Structures are given as structure tokens and as C-alpha cells.
Amino acid sequence: MTEPIPPITLPPAENPEQEGEWLQTSLHSWLNTEFIPEAINEEIAQRAAQIFMRQRMEGENDLGSLTLAIVTEMQSFDFSKSFYGEFAIANAVSDLLLESLGIDKCCGQ
């Protein structure tokens, strides 16, 4: 029988603003590297970082819940000038956070 994947919990936020700045910069860089750099990428990264920072300030530490919050709230963002959508952004945020924790995003180890 397969075992469920255990939840990934981030350490409590000591400085959510600094985390948000890091995420915005990292996500913006990822967006520009993944496809072609676009002006909208900065807005996408800023919005995702705002959502993340607010969630962290409210005490959310579960990576799955943070990812779902980003998907849900980014649905109202206008992605018409972008290659990306809310799921790609939430997954990228999750991958960046896993990398920052030293967790292999490929195999969950």
C-alpha cells in the first residue's frame, strides 16, 4: 500500500516582508528565464509575493495550503499577456520554496 506524502511545513515566518521580497525576486527571475522576459512577469511576481506574504503573516506554514492560496487568488489575475497561468505560478513558487529548503522537488526527498 502506498503511503501518503507527508505535508511540508515551512519554518514560522520571522520576517514575512523579507520572504516576500526574496520570493518576488526569485519568481521574477524564474519567469524571465523559463520563457522570454516580458514586462508582465514583474507584475505576476509581485502579485504572487503579496499573496504569499499575506498568508505567511496570517500564520500559514503549510506548503500545500500556500500553493492552493496562490492558485485561488491568482485566478483573478489577467494572464492574457503572459505564457503563464495561475497553476504554473503556484507550482513555480512551490518549487522555489522547496529549493530554498534543500528539498529535491523532483522526487520529494
PDB file of N, CA and C in Angstrom:
ATOM      1  N   MET A   1       0.841  -1.173   0.000  1.00  0.00           N
ATOM      2  CA  MET A   1       0.000   0.000   0.000  1.00  0.00           C
ATOM      3  C   MET A   1       0.891   1.242   0.000  1.00  0.00           C
ATOM      4  N   THR A   2       0.538   2.208  -0.814  1.00  0.00           N
ATOM      5  CA  THR A   2       1.338   3.421  -0.886  1.00  0.00           C
ATOM      6  C   THR A   2       1.028   4.331   0.288  1.00  0.00           C
ATOM      7  N   GLU A   3       2.037   5.003   0.708  1.00  0.00           N
ATOM      8  CA  GLU A   3       1.912   5.927   1.827  1.00  0.00           C
ATOM      9  C   GLU A   3       1.670   7.333   1.292  1.00  0.00           C
ATOM     10  N   PRO A   4       0.826   8.109   1.953  1.00  0.00           N
ATOM     11  CA  PRO A   4       0.632   9.493   1.508  1.00  0.00           C
ATOM     12  C   PRO A   4       1.912  10.297   1.716  1.00  0.00           C
ATOM     13  N   ILE A   5       2.076  11.283   0.889  1.00  0.00           N
ATOM     14  CA  ILE A   5       3.227  12.171   1.013  1.00  0.00           C
ATOM     15  C   ILE A   5       2.997  13.063   2.225  1.00  0.00           C
ATOM     16  N   PRO A   6       3.954  13.088   3.144  1.00  0.00           N
ATOM     17  CA  PRO A   6       3.758  13.934   4.332  1.00  0.00           C
ATOM     18  C   PRO A   6       3.755  15.417   3.941  1.00  0.00           C
ATOM     19  N   PRO A   7       3.031  16.218   4.685  1.00  0.00           N
ATOM     20  CA  PRO A   7       2.998  17.660   4.373  1.00  0.00           C
ATOM     21  C   PRO A   7       4.373  18.288   4.592  1.00  0.00           C
ATOM     22  N   ILE A   8       4.614  19.331   3.863  1.00  0.00           N
ATOM     23  CA  ILE A   8       5.855  20.096   4.016  1.00  0.00           C
ATOM     24  C   ILE A   8       5.493  21.393   4.717  1.00  0.00           C
ATOM     25  N   THR A   9       6.117  21.605   5.853  1.00  0.00           N
ATOM     26  CA  THR A   9       5.826  22.781   6.665  1.00  0.00           C
ATOM     27  C   THR A   9       7.033  23.705   6.668  1.00  0.00           C
ATOM     28  N   LEU A  10       6.791  24.950   6.321  1.00  0.00           N
ATOM     29  CA  LEU A  10       7.856  25.950   6.365  1.00  0.00           C
ATOM     30  C   LEU A  10       8.081  26.366   7.813  1.00  0.00           C
ATOM     31  N   PRO A  11       9.290  26.784   8.125  1.00  0.00           N
ATOM     32  CA  PRO A  11       9.512  27.329   9.474  1.00  0.00           C
ATOM     33  C   PRO A  11       8.635  28.560   9.667  1.00  0.00           C
ATOM     34  N   PRO A  12       8.255  28.854  10.906  1.00  0.00           N
ATOM     35  CA  PRO A  12       7.442  30.059  11.143  1.00  0.00           C
ATOM     36  C   PRO A  12       8.126  31.296  10.555  1.00  0.00           C
ATOM     37  N   ALA A  13       7.331  32.186  10.018  1.00  0.00           N
ATOM     38  CA  ALA A  13       7.867  33.401   9.388  1.00  0.00           C
ATOM     39  C   ALA A  13       8.400  34.349  10.447  1.00  0.00           C
ATOM     40  N   GLU A  14       9.671  34.639  10.365  1.00  0.00           N
ATOM     41  CA  GLU A  14      10.269  35.625  11.261  1.00  0.00           C
ATOM     42  C   GLU A  14      10.235  37.007  10.629  1.00  0.00           C
ATOM     43  N   ASN A  15      10.334  37.046   9.306  1.00  0.00           N
ATOM     44  CA  ASN A  15      10.318  38.311   8.588  1.00  0.00           C
ATOM     45  C   ASN A  15       9.582  38.111   7.260  1.00  0.00           C
ATOM     46  N   PRO A  16       8.232  38.138   7.286  1.00  0.00           N
ATOM     47  CA  PRO A  16       7.457  37.883   6.070  1.00  0.00           C
ATOM     48  C   PRO A  16       7.764  38.853   4.925  1.00  0.00           C
ATOM     49  N   GLU A  17       8.085  40.103   5.266  1.00  0.00           N
ATOM     50  CA  GLU A  17       8.401  41.075   4.219  1.00  0.00           C
ATOM     51  C   GLU A  17       9.663  40.660   3.467  1.00  0.00           C
ATOM     52  N   GLN A  18      10.672  40.208   4.198  1.00  0.00           N
ATOM     53  CA  GLN A  18      11.914  39.760   3.567  1.00  0.00           C
ATOM     54  C   GLN A  18      11.668  38.503   2.716  1.00  0.00           C
ATOM     55  N   GLU A  19      10.852  37.591   3.225  1.00  0.00           N
ATOM     56  CA  GLU A  19      10.495  36.402   2.451  1.00  0.00           C
ATOM     57  C   GLU A  19       9.786  36.806   1.162  1.00  0.00           C
ATOM     58  N   GLY A  20       8.864  37.770   1.278  1.00  0.00           N
ATOM     59  CA  GLY A  20       8.127  38.243   0.108  1.00  0.00           C
ATOM     60  C   GLY A  20       9.048  38.867  -0.927  1.00  0.00           C
ATOM     61  N   GLU A  21      10.009  39.657  -0.465  1.00  0.00           N
ATOM     62  CA  GLU A  21      10.977  40.273  -1.381  1.00  0.00           C
ATOM     63  C   GLU A  21      11.809  39.205  -2.078  1.00  0.00           C
ATOM     64  N   TRP A  22      12.271  38.209  -1.294  1.00  0.00           N
ATOM     65  CA  TRP A  22      13.041  37.117  -1.879  1.00  0.00           C
ATOM     66  C   TRP A  22      12.212  36.378  -2.924  1.00  0.00           C
ATOM     67  N   LEU A  23      10.966  36.065  -2.577  1.00  0.00           N
ATOM     68  CA  LEU A  23      10.115  35.325  -3.499  1.00  0.00           C
ATOM     69  C   LEU A  23       9.845  36.133  -4.764  1.00  0.00           C
ATOM     70  N   GLN A  24       9.559  37.413  -4.617  1.00  0.00           N
ATOM     71  CA  GLN A  24       9.295  38.253  -5.784  1.00  0.00           C
ATOM     72  C   GLN A  24      10.498  38.263  -6.730  1.00  0.00           C
ATOM     73  N   THR A  25      11.688  38.461  -6.185  1.00  0.00           N
ATOM     74  CA  THR A  25      12.899  38.488  -7.000  1.00  0.00           C
ATOM     75  C   THR A  25      13.164  37.132  -7.643  1.00  0.00           C
ATOM     76  N   SER A  26      13.039  36.077  -6.858  1.00  0.00           N
ATOM     77  CA  SER A  26      13.304  34.727  -7.370  1.00  0.00           C
ATOM     78  C   SER A  26      12.303  34.322  -8.436  1.00  0.00           C
ATOM     79  N   LEU A  27      11.031  34.607  -8.196  1.00  0.00           N
ATOM     80  CA  LEU A  27       9.996  34.244  -9.156  1.00  0.00           C
ATOM     81  C   LEU A  27      10.139  35.057 -10.434  1.00  0.00           C
ATOM     82  N   HIS A  28      10.419  36.340 -10.300  1.00  0.00           N
ATOM     83  CA  HIS A  28      10.605  37.189 -11.482  1.00  0.00           C
ATOM     84  C   HIS A  28      11.761  36.651 -12.330  1.00  0.00           C
ATOM     85  N   SER A  29      12.844  36.293 -11.691  1.00  0.00           N
ATOM     86  CA  SER A  29      13.988  35.730 -12.404  1.00  0.00           C
ATOM     87  C   SER A  29      13.606  34.417 -13.090  1.00  0.00           C
ATOM     88  N   TRP A  30      12.884  33.565 -12.377  1.00  0.00           N
ATOM     89  CA  TRP A  30      12.459  32.284 -12.947  1.00  0.00           C
ATOM     90  C   TRP A  30      11.566  32.509 -14.160  1.00  0.00           C
ATOM     91  N   LEU A  31      10.600  33.415 -14.046  1.00  0.00           N
ATOM     92  CA  LEU A  31       9.691  33.702 -15.156  1.00  0.00           C
ATOM     93  C   LEU A  31      10.449  34.185 -16.387  1.00  0.00           C
ATOM     94  N   ASN A  32      11.421  35.059 -16.181  1.00  0.00           N
ATOM     95  CA  ASN A  32      12.199  35.592 -17.300  1.00  0.00           C
ATOM     96  C   ASN A  32      13.127  34.559 -17.911  1.00  0.00           C
ATOM     97  N   THR A  33      13.532  33.585 -17.128  1.00  0.00           N
ATOM     98  CA  THR A  33      14.439  32.548 -17.614  1.00  0.00           C
ATOM     99  C   THR A  33      13.691  31.413 -18.295  1.00  0.00           C
ATOM    100  N   GLU A  34      12.524  31.086 -17.778  1.00  0.00           N
ATOM    101  CA  GLU A  34      11.761  29.938 -18.277  1.00  0.00           C
ATOM    102  C   GLU A  34      11.316  30.136 -19.729  1.00  0.00           C
ATOM    103  N   PHE A  35      10.808  31.329 -20.049  1.00  0.00           N
ATOM    104  CA  PHE A  35      10.457  31.680 -21.424  1.00  0.00           C
ATOM    105  C   PHE A  35      11.176  32.973 -21.756  1.00  0.00           C
ATOM    106  N   ILE A  36      10.564  33.831 -22.513  1.00  0.00           N
ATOM    107  CA  ILE A  36      11.197  35.112 -22.819  1.00  0.00           C
ATOM    108  C   ILE A  36      10.816  36.140 -21.758  1.00  0.00           C
ATOM    109  N   PRO A  37      11.714  37.053 -21.450  1.00  0.00           N
ATOM    110  CA  PRO A  37      11.369  38.103 -20.483  1.00  0.00           C
ATOM    111  C   PRO A  37      10.217  38.956 -21.030  1.00  0.00           C
ATOM    112  N   GLU A  38       9.237  39.196 -20.167  1.00  0.00           N
ATOM    113  CA  GLU A  38       8.094  40.030 -20.529  1.00  0.00           C
ATOM    114  C   GLU A  38       7.834  41.015 -19.394  1.00  0.00           C
ATOM    115  N   ALA A  39       7.306  42.166 -19.727  1.00  0.00           N
ATOM    116  CA  ALA A  39       7.013  43.181 -18.711  1.00  0.00           C
ATOM    117  C   ALA A  39       6.014  42.662 -17.684  1.00  0.00           C
ATOM    118  N   ILE A  40       5.070  41.835 -18.113  1.00  0.00           N
ATOM    119  CA  ILE A  40       4.033  41.325 -17.208  1.00  0.00           C
ATOM    120  C   ILE A  40       4.617  40.426 -16.117  1.00  0.00           C
ATOM    121  N   ASN A  41       5.793  39.863 -16.362  1.00  0.00           N
ATOM    122  CA  ASN A  41       6.401  38.963 -15.373  1.00  0.00           C
ATOM    123  C   ASN A  41       6.634  39.650 -14.036  1.00  0.00           C
ATOM    124  N   GLU A  42       6.986  40.914 -14.075  1.00  0.00           N
ATOM    125  CA  GLU A  42       7.203  41.654 -12.830  1.00  0.00           C
ATOM    126  C   GLU A  42       5.904  41.769 -12.039  1.00  0.00           C
ATOM    127  N   GLU A  43       4.803  42.030 -12.744  1.00  0.00           N
ATOM    128  CA  GLU A  43       3.501  42.142 -12.082  1.00  0.00           C
ATOM    129  C   GLU A  43       3.058  40.798 -11.506  1.00  0.00           C
ATOM    130  N   ILE A  44       3.298  39.737 -12.253  1.00  0.00           N
ATOM    131  CA  ILE A  44       2.947  38.400 -11.784  1.00  0.00           C
ATOM    132  C   ILE A  44       3.718  38.072 -10.511  1.00  0.00           C
ATOM    133  N   ALA A  45       5.023  38.309 -10.534  1.00  0.00           N
ATOM    134  CA  ALA A  45       5.868  38.009  -9.374  1.00  0.00           C
ATOM    135  C   ALA A  45       5.453  38.849  -8.171  1.00  0.00           C
ATOM    136  N   GLN A  46       5.133  40.103  -8.414  1.00  0.00           N
ATOM    137  CA  GLN A  46       4.715  40.985  -7.320  1.00  0.00           C
ATOM    138  C   GLN A  46       3.411  40.498  -6.698  1.00  0.00           C
ATOM    139  N   ARG A  47       2.446  40.120  -7.518  1.00  0.00           N
ATOM    140  CA  ARG A  47       1.154  39.662  -7.001  1.00  0.00           C
ATOM    141  C   ARG A  47       1.304  38.356  -6.236  1.00  0.00           C
ATOM    142  N   ALA A  48       2.054  37.412  -6.784  1.00  0.00           N
ATOM    143  CA  ALA A  48       2.256  36.134  -6.101  1.00  0.00           C
ATOM    144  C   ALA A  48       2.960  36.344  -4.760  1.00  0.00           C
ATOM    145  N   ALA A  49       3.944  37.234  -4.734  1.00  0.00           N
ATOM    146  CA  ALA A  49       4.661  37.516  -3.493  1.00  0.00           C
ATOM    147  C   ALA A  49       3.744  38.173  -2.464  1.00  0.00           C
ATOM    148  N   GLN A  50       2.836  39.036  -2.904  1.00  0.00           N
ATOM    149  CA  GLN A  50       1.881  39.664  -1.981  1.00  0.00           C
ATOM    150  C   GLN A  50       0.980  38.608  -1.341  1.00  0.00           C
ATOM    151  N   ILE A  51       0.490  37.700  -2.147  1.00  0.00           N
ATOM    152  CA  ILE A  51      -0.369  36.628  -1.636  1.00  0.00           C
ATOM    153  C   ILE A  51       0.403  35.788  -0.629  1.00  0.00           C
ATOM    154  N   PHE A  52       1.603  35.383  -1.018  1.00  0.00           N
ATOM    155  CA  PHE A  52       2.450  34.561  -0.154  1.00  0.00           C
ATOM    156  C   PHE A  52       2.723  35.274   1.164  1.00  0.00           C
ATOM    157  N   MET A  53       3.114  36.531   1.090  1.00  0.00           N
ATOM    158  CA  MET A  53       3.469  37.290   2.288  1.00  0.00           C
ATOM    159  C   MET A  53       2.260  37.430   3.220  1.00  0.00           C
ATOM    160  N   ARG A  54       1.100  37.723   2.659  1.00  0.00           N
ATOM    161  CA  ARG A  54      -0.098  37.856   3.492  1.00  0.00           C
ATOM    162  C   ARG A  54      -0.429  36.535   4.175  1.00  0.00           C
ATOM    163  N   GLN A  55      -0.343  35.446   3.433  1.00  0.00           N
ATOM    164  CA  GLN A  55      -0.616  34.132   4.008  1.00  0.00           C
ATOM    165  C   GLN A  55       0.360  33.826   5.148  1.00  0.00           C
ATOM    166  N   ARG A  56       1.612  34.135   4.942  1.00  0.00           N
ATOM    167  CA  ARG A  56       2.624  33.892   5.978  1.00  0.00           C
ATOM    168  C   ARG A  56       2.373  34.763   7.200  1.00  0.00           C
ATOM    169  N   MET A  57       1.967  36.016   6.988  1.00  0.00           N
ATOM    170  CA  MET A  57       1.681  36.913   8.115  1.00  0.00           C
ATOM    171  C   MET A  57       0.471  36.427   8.903  1.00  0.00           C
ATOM    172  N   GLU A  58      -0.428  35.708   8.230  1.00  0.00           N
ATOM    173  CA  GLU A  58      -1.594  35.144   8.900  1.00  0.00           C
ATOM    174  C   GLU A  58      -1.280  33.815   9.575  1.00  0.00           C
ATOM    175  N   GLY A  59      -0.015  33.370   9.477  1.00  0.00           N
ATOM    176  CA  GLY A  59       0.410  32.168  10.187  1.00  0.00           C
ATOM    177  C   GLY A  59       0.399  30.887   9.375  1.00  0.00           C
ATOM    178  N   GLU A  60       0.199  30.982   8.063  1.00  0.00           N
ATOM    179  CA  GLU A  60       0.183  29.782   7.231  1.00  0.00           C
ATOM    180  C   GLU A  60       1.613  29.312   6.974  1.00  0.00           C
ATOM    181  N   ASN A  61       1.887  28.058   7.329  1.00  0.00           N
ATOM    182  CA  ASN A  61       3.220  27.486   7.139  1.00  0.00           C
ATOM    183  C   ASN A  61       3.198  26.238   6.263  1.00  0.00           C
ATOM    184  N   ASP A  62       2.016  25.726   5.946  1.00  0.00           N
ATOM    185  CA  ASP A  62       1.898  24.514   5.154  1.00  0.00           C
ATOM    186  C   ASP A  62       2.071  24.838   3.674  1.00  0.00           C
ATOM    187  N   LEU A  63       3.034  24.186   3.023  1.00  0.00           N
ATOM    188  CA  LEU A  63       3.340  24.486   1.629  1.00  0.00           C
ATOM    189  C   LEU A  63       2.146  24.192   0.725  1.00  0.00           C
ATOM    190  N   GLY A  64       1.430  23.114   0.978  1.00  0.00           N
ATOM    191  CA  GLY A  64       0.256  22.789   0.173  1.00  0.00           C
ATOM    192  C   GLY A  64      -0.806  23.868   0.268  1.00  0.00           C
ATOM    193  N   SER A  65      -1.057  24.352   1.451  1.00  0.00           N
ATOM    194  CA  SER A  65      -2.057  25.413   1.645  1.00  0.00           C
ATOM    195  C   SER A  65      -1.613  26.718   0.998  1.00  0.00           C
ATOM    196  N   LEU A  66      -0.327  27.025   1.087  1.00  0.00           N
ATOM    197  CA  LEU A  66       0.196  28.231   0.436  1.00  0.00           C
ATOM    198  C   LEU A  66       0.044  28.134  -1.079  1.00  0.00           C
ATOM    199  N   THR A  67       0.328  26.962  -1.619  1.00  0.00           N
ATOM    200  CA  THR A  67       0.205  26.753  -3.064  1.00  0.00           C
ATOM    201  C   THR A  67      -1.243  26.923  -3.511  1.00  0.00           C
ATOM    202  N   LEU A  68      -2.175  26.332  -2.763  1.00  0.00           N
ATOM    203  CA  LEU A  68      -3.595  26.461  -3.105  1.00  0.00           C
ATOM    204  C   LEU A  68      -4.072  27.913  -3.002  1.00  0.00           C
ATOM    205  N   ALA A  69      -3.579  28.627  -2.019  1.00  0.00           N
ATOM    206  CA  ALA A  69      -3.955  30.039  -1.871  1.00  0.00           C
ATOM    207  C   ALA A  69      -3.488  30.846  -3.080  1.00  0.00           C
ATOM    208  N   ILE A  70      -2.281  30.556  -3.553  1.00  0.00           N
ATOM    209  CA  ILE A  70      -1.762  31.278  -4.717  1.00  0.00           C
ATOM    210  C   ILE A  70      -2.584  30.933  -5.956  1.00  0.00           C
ATOM    211  N   VAL A  71      -2.895  29.653  -6.159  1.00  0.00           N
ATOM    212  CA  VAL A  71      -3.735  29.264  -7.297  1.00  0.00           C
ATOM    213  C   VAL A  71      -5.066  29.996  -7.233  1.00  0.00           C
ATOM    214  N   THR A  72      -5.710  29.952  -6.091  1.00  0.00           N
ATOM    215  CA  THR A  72      -7.043  30.538  -5.939  1.00  0.00           C
ATOM    216  C   THR A  72      -7.035  32.042  -6.174  1.00  0.00           C
ATOM    217  N   GLU A  73      -6.098  32.724  -5.546  1.00  0.00           N
ATOM    218  CA  GLU A  73      -6.090  34.184  -5.643  1.00  0.00           C
ATOM    219  C   GLU A  73      -5.540  34.688  -6.974  1.00  0.00           C
ATOM    220  N   MET A  74      -4.680  33.910  -7.623  1.00  0.00           N
ATOM    221  CA  MET A  74      -4.149  34.327  -8.924  1.00  0.00           C
ATOM    222  C   MET A  74      -5.174  34.107 -10.042  1.00  0.00           C
ATOM    223  N   GLN A  75      -6.274  33.429  -9.765  1.00  0.00           N
ATOM    224  CA  GLN A  75      -7.308  33.234 -10.785  1.00  0.00           C
ATOM    225  C   GLN A  75      -7.906  34.563 -11.234  1.00  0.00           C
ATOM    226  N   SER A  76      -7.849  35.556 -10.385  1.00  0.00           N
ATOM    227  CA  SER A  76      -8.398  36.864 -10.750  1.00  0.00           C
ATOM    228  C   SER A  76      -7.384  37.726 -11.508  1.00  0.00           C
ATOM    229  N   PHE A  77      -6.149  37.251 -11.648  1.00  0.00           N
ATOM    230  CA  PHE A  77      -5.110  37.999 -12.361  1.00  0.00           C
ATOM    231  C   PHE A  77      -5.316  37.832 -13.869  1.00  0.00           C
ATOM    232  N   ASP A  78      -5.086  38.872 -14.631  1.00  0.00           N
ATOM    233  CA  ASP A  78      -5.226  38.819 -16.083  1.00  0.00           C
ATOM    234  C   ASP A  78      -3.926  38.294 -16.701  1.00  0.00           C
ATOM    235  N   PHE A  79      -3.947  37.029 -17.099  1.00  0.00           N
ATOM    236  CA  PHE A  79      -2.771  36.394 -17.698  1.00  0.00           C
ATOM    237  C   PHE A  79      -2.767  36.495 -19.224  1.00  0.00           C
ATOM    238  N   SER A  80      -3.611  37.329 -19.801  1.00  0.00           N
ATOM    239  CA  SER A  80      -3.741  37.381 -21.259  1.00  0.00           C
ATOM    240  C   SER A  80      -2.459  37.843 -21.967  1.00  0.00           C
ATOM    241  N   LYS A  81      -1.566  38.518 -21.271  1.00  0.00           N
ATOM    242  CA  LYS A  81      -0.313  38.985 -21.865  1.00  0.00           C
ATOM    243  C   LYS A  81       0.871  38.107 -21.446  1.00  0.00           C
ATOM    244  N   SER A  82       0.578  36.896 -21.026  1.00  0.00           N
ATOM    245  CA  SER A  82       1.610  36.024 -20.477  1.00  0.00           C
ATOM    246  C   SER A  82       1.470  34.606 -21.017  1.00  0.00           C
ATOM    247  N   PHE A  83       2.581  33.877 -20.977  1.00  0.00           N
ATOM    248  CA  PHE A  83       2.568  32.452 -21.288  1.00  0.00           C
ATOM    249  C   PHE A  83       2.045  31.645 -20.105  1.00  0.00           C
ATOM    250  N   TYR A  84       2.001  32.248 -18.950  1.00  0.00           N
ATOM    251  CA  TYR A  84       1.725  31.549 -17.717  1.00  0.00           C
ATOM    252  C   TYR A  84       0.264  31.635 -17.312  1.00  0.00           C
ATOM    253  N   GLY A  85      -0.091  30.820 -16.309  1.00  0.00           N
ATOM    254  CA  GLY A  85      -1.398  30.847 -15.682  1.00  0.00           C
ATOM    255  C   GLY A  85      -1.210  30.624 -14.199  1.00  0.00           C
ATOM    256  N   GLU A  86      -2.304  30.625 -13.459  1.00  0.00           N
ATOM    257  CA  GLU A  86      -2.218  30.534 -12.000  1.00  0.00           C
ATOM    258  C   GLU A  86      -1.570  29.238 -11.515  1.00  0.00           C
ATOM    259  N   PHE A  87      -1.792  28.124 -12.214  1.00  0.00           N
ATOM    260  CA  PHE A  87      -1.195  26.866 -11.768  1.00  0.00           C
ATOM    261  C   PHE A  87       0.314  26.863 -11.972  1.00  0.00           C
ATOM    262  N   ALA A  88       0.766  27.387 -13.099  1.00  0.00           N
ATOM    263  CA  ALA A  88       2.209  27.458 -13.356  1.00  0.00           C
ATOM    264  C   ALA A  88       2.894  28.336 -12.314  1.00  0.00           C
ATOM    265  N   ILE A  89       2.258  29.428 -11.939  1.00  0.00           N
ATOM    266  CA  ILE A  89       2.849  30.338 -10.957  1.00  0.00           C
ATOM    267  C   ILE A  89       2.908  29.670  -9.581  1.00  0.00           C
ATOM    268  N   ALA A  90       1.811  29.060  -9.168  1.00  0.00           N
ATOM    269  CA  ALA A  90       1.787  28.395  -7.864  1.00  0.00           C
ATOM    270  C   ALA A  90       2.810  27.268  -7.807  1.00  0.00           C
ATOM    271  N   ASN A  91       2.927  26.498  -8.885  1.00  0.00           N
ATOM    272  CA  ASN A  91       3.917  25.420  -8.917  1.00  0.00           C
ATOM    273  C   ASN A  91       5.337  25.964  -8.886  1.00  0.00           C
ATOM    274  N   ALA A  92       5.582  27.074  -9.584  1.00  0.00           N
ATOM    275  CA  ALA A  92       6.910  27.686  -9.562  1.00  0.00           C
ATOM    276  C   ALA A  92       7.256  28.176  -8.157  1.00  0.00           C
ATOM    277  N   VAL A  93       6.297  28.796  -7.484  1.00  0.00           N
ATOM    278  CA  VAL A  93       6.517  29.254  -6.102  1.00  0.00           C
ATOM    279  C   VAL A  93       6.853  28.053  -5.222  1.00  0.00           C
ATOM    280  N   SER A  94       6.088  26.997  -5.366  1.00  0.00           N
ATOM    281  CA  SER A  94       6.333  25.784  -4.580  1.00  0.00           C
ATOM    282  C   SER A  94       7.739  25.245  -4.836  1.00  0.00           C
ATOM    283  N   ASP A  95       8.124  25.175  -6.104  1.00  0.00           N
ATOM    284  CA  ASP A  95       9.469  24.682  -6.449  1.00  0.00           C
ATOM    285  C   ASP A  95      10.564  25.571  -5.852  1.00  0.00           C
ATOM    286  N   LEU A  96      10.388  26.883  -5.942  1.00  0.00           N
ATOM    287  CA  LEU A  96      11.383  27.801  -5.378  1.00  0.00           C
ATOM    288  C   LEU A  96      11.505  27.628  -3.868  1.00  0.00           C
ATOM    289  N   LEU A  97      10.368  27.448  -3.203  1.00  0.00           N
ATOM    290  CA  LEU A  97      10.393  27.248  -1.750  1.00  0.00           C
ATOM    291  C   LEU A  97      11.052  25.922  -1.393  1.00  0.00           C
ATOM    292  N   LEU A  98      10.743  24.868  -2.150  1.00  0.00           N
ATOM    293  CA  LEU A  98      11.379  23.573  -1.896  1.00  0.00           C
ATOM    294  C   LEU A  98      12.887  23.668  -2.074  1.00  0.00           C
ATOM    295  N   GLU A  99      13.320  24.326  -3.145  1.00  0.00           N
ATOM    296  CA  GLU A  99      14.761  24.514  -3.370  1.00  0.00           C
ATOM    297  C   GLU A  99      15.398  25.269  -2.212  1.00  0.00           C
ATOM    298  N   SER A 100      14.707  26.296  -1.712  1.00  0.00           N
ATOM    299  CA  SER A 100      15.269  27.090  -0.610  1.00  0.00           C
ATOM    300  C   SER A 100      15.397  26.272   0.666  1.00  0.00           C
ATOM    301  N   LEU A 101      14.571  25.228   0.793  1.00  0.00           N
ATOM    302  CA  LEU A 101      14.631  24.340   1.960  1.00  0.00           C
ATOM    303  C   LEU A 101      15.571  23.158   1.750  1.00  0.00           C
ATOM    304  N   GLY A 102      16.132  23.059   0.540  1.00  0.00           N
ATOM    305  CA  GLY A 102      17.043  21.958   0.233  1.00  0.00           C
ATOM    306  C   GLY A 102      16.310  20.644  -0.022  1.00  0.00           C
ATOM    307  N   ILE A 103      15.048  20.725  -0.441  1.00  0.00           N
ATOM    308  CA  ILE A 103      14.259  19.530  -0.733  1.00  0.00           C
ATOM    309  C   ILE A 103      14.226  19.312  -2.235  1.00  0.00           C
ATOM    310  N   ASP A 104      14.524  18.086  -2.670  1.00  0.00           N
ATOM    311  CA  ASP A 104      14.513  17.745  -4.079  1.00  0.00           C
ATOM    312  C   ASP A 104      13.091  17.815  -4.599  1.00  0.00           C
ATOM    313  N   LYS A 105      12.813  18.750  -5.471  1.00  0.00           N
ATOM    314  CA  LYS A 105      11.457  18.940  -5.977  1.00  0.00           C
ATOM    315  C   LYS A 105      11.032  17.850  -6.946  1.00  0.00           C
ATOM    316  N   CYS A 106      11.988  17.144  -7.474  1.00  0.00           N
ATOM    317  CA  CYS A 106      11.675  16.084  -8.438  1.00  0.00           C
ATOM    318  C   CYS A 106      11.077  14.871  -7.771  1.00  0.00           C
ATOM    319  N   CYS A 107      11.674  14.432  -6.728  1.00  0.00           N
ATOM    320  CA  CYS A 107      11.278  13.159  -6.141  1.00  0.00           C
ATOM    321  C   CYS A 107      10.781  13.279  -4.700  1.00  0.00           C
ATOM    322  N   GLY A 108      10.687  14.484  -4.192  1.00  0.00           N
ATOM    323  CA  GLY A 108      10.157  14.699  -2.855  1.00  0.00           C
ATOM    324  C   GLY A 108      11.075  14.270  -1.723  1.00  0.00           C
ATOM    325  N   GLN A 109      12.318  14.135  -2.010  1.00  0.00           N
ATOM    326  CA  GLN A 109      13.260  13.704  -0.974  1.00  0.00           C
ATOM    327  C   GLN A 109      14.055  14.884  -0.503  1.00  0.00           C
TER     328      GLN A 109
END
